[in-house]
Amino acid sequence: MTWCIYLTHPEVVVDPDVPVPDWGLSDLGRERAVKATELPFADEIRQVISSAEKKATETAQVFSGRKNVFQRVLPFLHENDRSATGFLPPEEFEKTADAFFADPHRSVRGWERAIDAQNRVVTGISSALRHIPDEQPVLFTGHGAVGTLLMCHLMAVPISREHDQTRGGCWYRFDKAWLTTQAGRNLSWIEL
């Protein structure tokens, strides 16, 4: 049975003049990404799959470079589409994110609906895993919101921000079968 790790990118360089998908890791973010290579599961990973957003690909590159494993980019694993608003100051972003999770069937301020983002990431990860041998562990590097939406699906619980990570650079382990059985229970984020 394939087990997987979902790891979110750590801290980024926030620049309101740069599109959010183009933000890269900060120095602290890079330092924290290295910690993933030191975790007990790290030597078992044979493939890293990331979203195409710069912060996720940089997180994947830190891992794949240090562990000398194959890295692949799958664009459909991107964070929830927030291009309608672009950068939001932190307090405004948090309020909008709260609304995004609270009403998953409604677009908040033009953002992708949470239910659509959840379907996209679950379908994308399921599709990617169909082409990977069952015994091969996989590391996915991505984002907090869609990682939380994936977690909610794996546990068969309603979409809720109560399952969100406390900060970037968190991870959880799940079994491939949970994508269909939704038998994950008591999943929680672990900080790097």
Protein backbone atom coordinates (compact mmCIF):
# COMPACT_ATOMS: atom_id res chain seq x y z
CA MET A 1 0.00 0.00 0.00
CA THR A 2 1.37 3.39 -0.94
CA TRP A 3 1.64 5.90 1.82
CA CYS A 4 2.13 9.54 1.07
CA ILE A 5 3.22 12.69 2.82
CA TYR A 6 1.53 16.02 2.16
CA LEU A 7 3.94 18.86 3.05
CA THR A 8 3.09 22.53 2.80
CA HIS A 9 5.63 25.11 1.78
CA PRO A 10 7.17 26.99 4.71
CA GLU A 11 7.63 30.78 5.03
CA VAL A 12 7.74 32.89 1.86
CA VAL A 13 8.92 36.32 0.80
CA VAL A 14 5.69 38.33 0.77
CA ASP A 15 5.70 40.95 -1.98
CA PRO A 16 2.40 42.71 -2.78
CA ASP A 17 3.82 43.68 -6.19
CA VAL A 18 4.43 40.06 -7.23
CA PRO A 19 1.61 37.61 -8.06
CA VAL A 20 1.13 35.24 -5.10
CA PRO A 21 1.92 32.07 -7.16
CA ASP A 22 5.35 33.61 -7.92
CA TRP A 23 6.37 34.14 -4.30
CA GLY A 24 9.44 32.14 -3.32
CA LEU A 25 10.69 30.76 -0.03
CA SER A 26 12.31 33.09 2.46
CA ASP A 27 15.63 32.20 4.11
CA LEU A 28 13.69 30.86 7.11
CA GLY A 29 11.44 28.92 4.74
CA ARG A 30 14.46 27.27 3.11
CA GLU A 31 15.92 26.39 6.51
CA ARG A 32 12.65 24.80 7.57
CA ALA A 33 12.29 22.94 4.23
CA VAL A 34 15.64 21.26 4.94
CA LYS A 35 14.10 19.81 8.12
CA ALA A 36 11.84 17.63 5.96
CA THR A 37 14.92 15.81 4.68
CA GLU A 38 15.77 14.85 8.27
CA LEU A 39 12.41 13.31 9.19
CA PRO A 40 12.12 9.52 9.70
CA PHE A 41 10.23 8.99 6.43
CA ALA A 42 12.68 10.98 4.27
CA ASP A 43 14.92 8.10 3.17
CA GLU A 44 11.93 6.08 1.96
CA ILE A 45 10.61 8.74 -0.44
CA ARG A 46 11.37 7.98 -4.10
CA GLN A 47 9.38 10.73 -5.78
CA VAL A 48 8.37 14.31 -5.00
CA ILE A 49 5.35 15.87 -6.70
CA SER A 50 4.68 19.58 -6.33
CA SER A 51 2.29 22.21 -7.52
CA ALA A 52 3.71 24.62 -10.09
CA GLU A 53 3.70 27.57 -7.69
CA LYS A 54 7.23 28.78 -6.99
CA LYS A 55 7.10 28.26 -3.22
CA ALA A 56 5.96 24.63 -3.66
CA THR A 57 8.52 23.82 -6.36
CA GLU A 58 11.28 25.36 -4.25
CA THR A 59 10.19 23.22 -1.28
CA ALA A 60 10.27 20.16 -3.54
CA GLN A 61 13.69 21.12 -4.91
CA VAL A 62 15.16 21.33 -1.41
CA PHE A 63 13.96 17.78 -0.69
CA SER A 64 14.69 16.20 -4.07
CA GLY A 65 18.11 17.85 -4.30
CA ARG A 66 19.25 16.66 -0.88
CA LYS A 67 17.75 13.18 -1.25
CA ASN A 68 18.50 12.75 -4.97
CA VAL A 69 14.96 11.69 -5.87
CA PHE A 70 12.77 12.35 -8.90
CA GLN A 71 10.73 15.55 -8.84
CA ARG A 72 7.62 16.20 -10.90
CA VAL A 73 5.41 19.29 -11.18
CA LEU A 74 1.64 18.97 -11.57
CA PRO A 75 -0.03 22.35 -12.12
CA PHE A 76 -3.49 21.23 -10.93
CA LEU A 77 -2.18 20.87 -7.37
CA HIS A 78 -2.04 24.67 -6.98
CA GLU A 79 -3.46 26.56 -4.02
CA ASN A 80 -7.07 27.70 -4.14
CA ASP A 81 -7.38 30.29 -6.91
CA ARG A 82 -7.36 33.70 -5.24
CA SER A 83 -6.44 35.71 -8.33
CA ALA A 84 -9.68 37.72 -8.10
CA THR A 85 -8.27 39.56 -5.09
CA GLY A 86 -4.54 39.04 -5.46
CA PHE A 87 -2.54 40.01 -2.38
CA LEU A 88 -4.59 40.83 0.70
CA PRO A 89 -3.16 42.31 3.91
CA PRO A 90 -2.89 39.60 6.60
CA GLU A 91 -6.00 40.52 8.63
CA GLU A 92 -8.16 40.82 5.51
CA PHE A 93 -6.72 37.58 4.13
CA GLU A 94 -7.57 35.68 7.33
CA LYS A 95 -11.17 36.94 7.32
CA THR A 96 -11.55 35.97 3.66
CA ALA A 97 -10.00 32.55 4.30
CA ASP A 98 -12.41 32.03 7.21
CA ALA A 99 -15.33 32.72 4.84
CA PHE A 100 -13.80 30.42 2.17
CA PHE A 101 -13.82 27.47 4.58
CA ALA A 102 -17.13 28.38 6.26
CA ASP A 103 -19.19 28.27 3.06
CA PRO A 104 -17.46 25.81 0.70
CA HIS A 105 -20.16 25.97 -1.98
CA ARG A 106 -19.90 29.75 -2.41
CA SER A 107 -17.21 31.80 -4.11
CA VAL A 108 -15.91 34.36 -1.63
CA ARG A 109 -14.79 37.59 -3.30
CA GLY A 110 -14.27 35.71 -6.57
CA TRP A 111 -12.02 33.02 -5.05
CA GLU A 112 -12.33 29.44 -6.26
CA ARG A 113 -15.00 27.66 -4.23
CA ALA A 114 -13.59 25.38 -1.52
CA ILE A 115 -15.59 22.40 -2.81
CA ASP A 116 -14.12 22.87 -6.30
CA ALA A 117 -10.58 23.21 -4.96
CA GLN A 118 -11.09 20.06 -2.88
CA ASN A 119 -12.36 18.08 -5.89
CA ARG A 120 -9.43 19.33 -7.98
CA VAL A 121 -6.73 18.35 -5.49
CA VAL A 122 -8.30 14.96 -4.63
CA THR A 123 -8.73 14.12 -8.32
CA GLY A 124 -5.21 15.35 -9.12
CA ILE A 125 -3.49 13.35 -6.40
CA SER A 126 -5.58 10.26 -7.20
CA SER A 127 -4.63 10.54 -10.87
CA ALA A 128 -0.93 10.99 -10.08
CA LEU A 129 -0.89 7.95 -7.78
CA ARG A 130 -2.46 5.68 -10.42
CA HIS A 131 0.86 5.82 -12.28
CA ILE A 132 3.11 5.10 -9.29
CA PRO A 133 3.82 1.58 -7.98
CA ASP A 134 1.81 0.77 -4.85
CA GLU A 135 4.91 0.17 -2.76
CA GLN A 136 6.50 3.54 -3.62
CA PRO A 137 6.02 6.32 -1.01
CA VAL A 138 5.42 9.80 -2.44
CA LEU A 139 5.96 13.28 -1.04
CA PHE A 140 3.54 15.96 -2.25
CA THR A 141 4.61 19.57 -1.69
CA GLY A 142 1.82 22.07 -1.79
CA HIS A 143 -0.26 24.55 0.11
CA GLY A 144 -2.18 24.99 3.34
CA ALA A 145 -5.72 25.50 2.08
CA VAL A 146 -5.80 22.66 -0.46
CA GLY A 147 -3.84 20.44 1.94
CA THR A 148 -6.55 21.04 4.52
CA LEU A 149 -9.27 20.35 1.95
CA LEU A 150 -7.51 17.07 1.08
CA MET A 151 -7.29 16.19 4.78
CA CYS A 152 -11.03 16.80 5.23
CA HIS A 153 -11.74 14.47 2.30
CA LEU A 154 -9.43 11.75 3.64
CA MET A 155 -11.22 11.85 7.00
CA ALA A 156 -14.72 12.11 5.45
CA VAL A 157 -15.47 15.23 7.47
CA PRO A 158 -17.08 18.48 6.31
CA ILE A 159 -14.77 21.19 5.03
CA SER A 160 -13.73 23.25 8.02
CA ARG A 161 -10.89 25.57 8.92
CA GLU A 162 -10.61 23.80 12.26
CA HIS A 163 -8.40 21.30 10.39
CA ASP A 164 -6.11 24.03 8.95
CA GLN A 165 -2.39 24.13 9.69
CA THR A 166 -1.09 26.57 12.30
CA ARG A 167 1.62 27.87 9.96
CA GLY A 168 3.33 26.96 6.70
CA GLY A 169 5.78 24.09 6.70
CA CYS A 170 3.53 21.39 8.18
CA TRP A 171 2.89 17.84 7.03
CA TYR A 172 0.76 14.74 7.52
CA ARG A 173 0.96 11.13 6.34
CA PHE A 174 -1.89 9.32 4.60
CA ASP A 175 -2.52 6.02 2.85
CA LYS A 176 -3.29 5.99 -0.86
CA ALA A 177 -6.45 3.93 -0.22
CA TRP A 178 -7.94 6.72 1.89
CA LEU A 179 -8.53 8.75 -1.29
CA THR A 180 -11.38 6.35 -2.06
CA THR A 181 -12.23 4.80 1.32
CA GLN A 182 -12.00 8.07 3.25
CA ALA A 183 -10.83 5.97 6.21
CA GLY A 184 -8.31 8.47 7.53
CA ARG A 185 -9.06 9.25 11.15
CA ASN A 186 -7.64 11.85 13.46
CA LEU A 187 -5.23 13.28 10.91
CA SER A 188 -3.46 16.39 12.08
CA TRP A 189 -0.71 18.67 10.87
CA ILE A 190 2.82 18.23 12.25
CA GLU A 191 5.20 21.20 12.12
CA LEU A 192 8.65 20.81 10.61
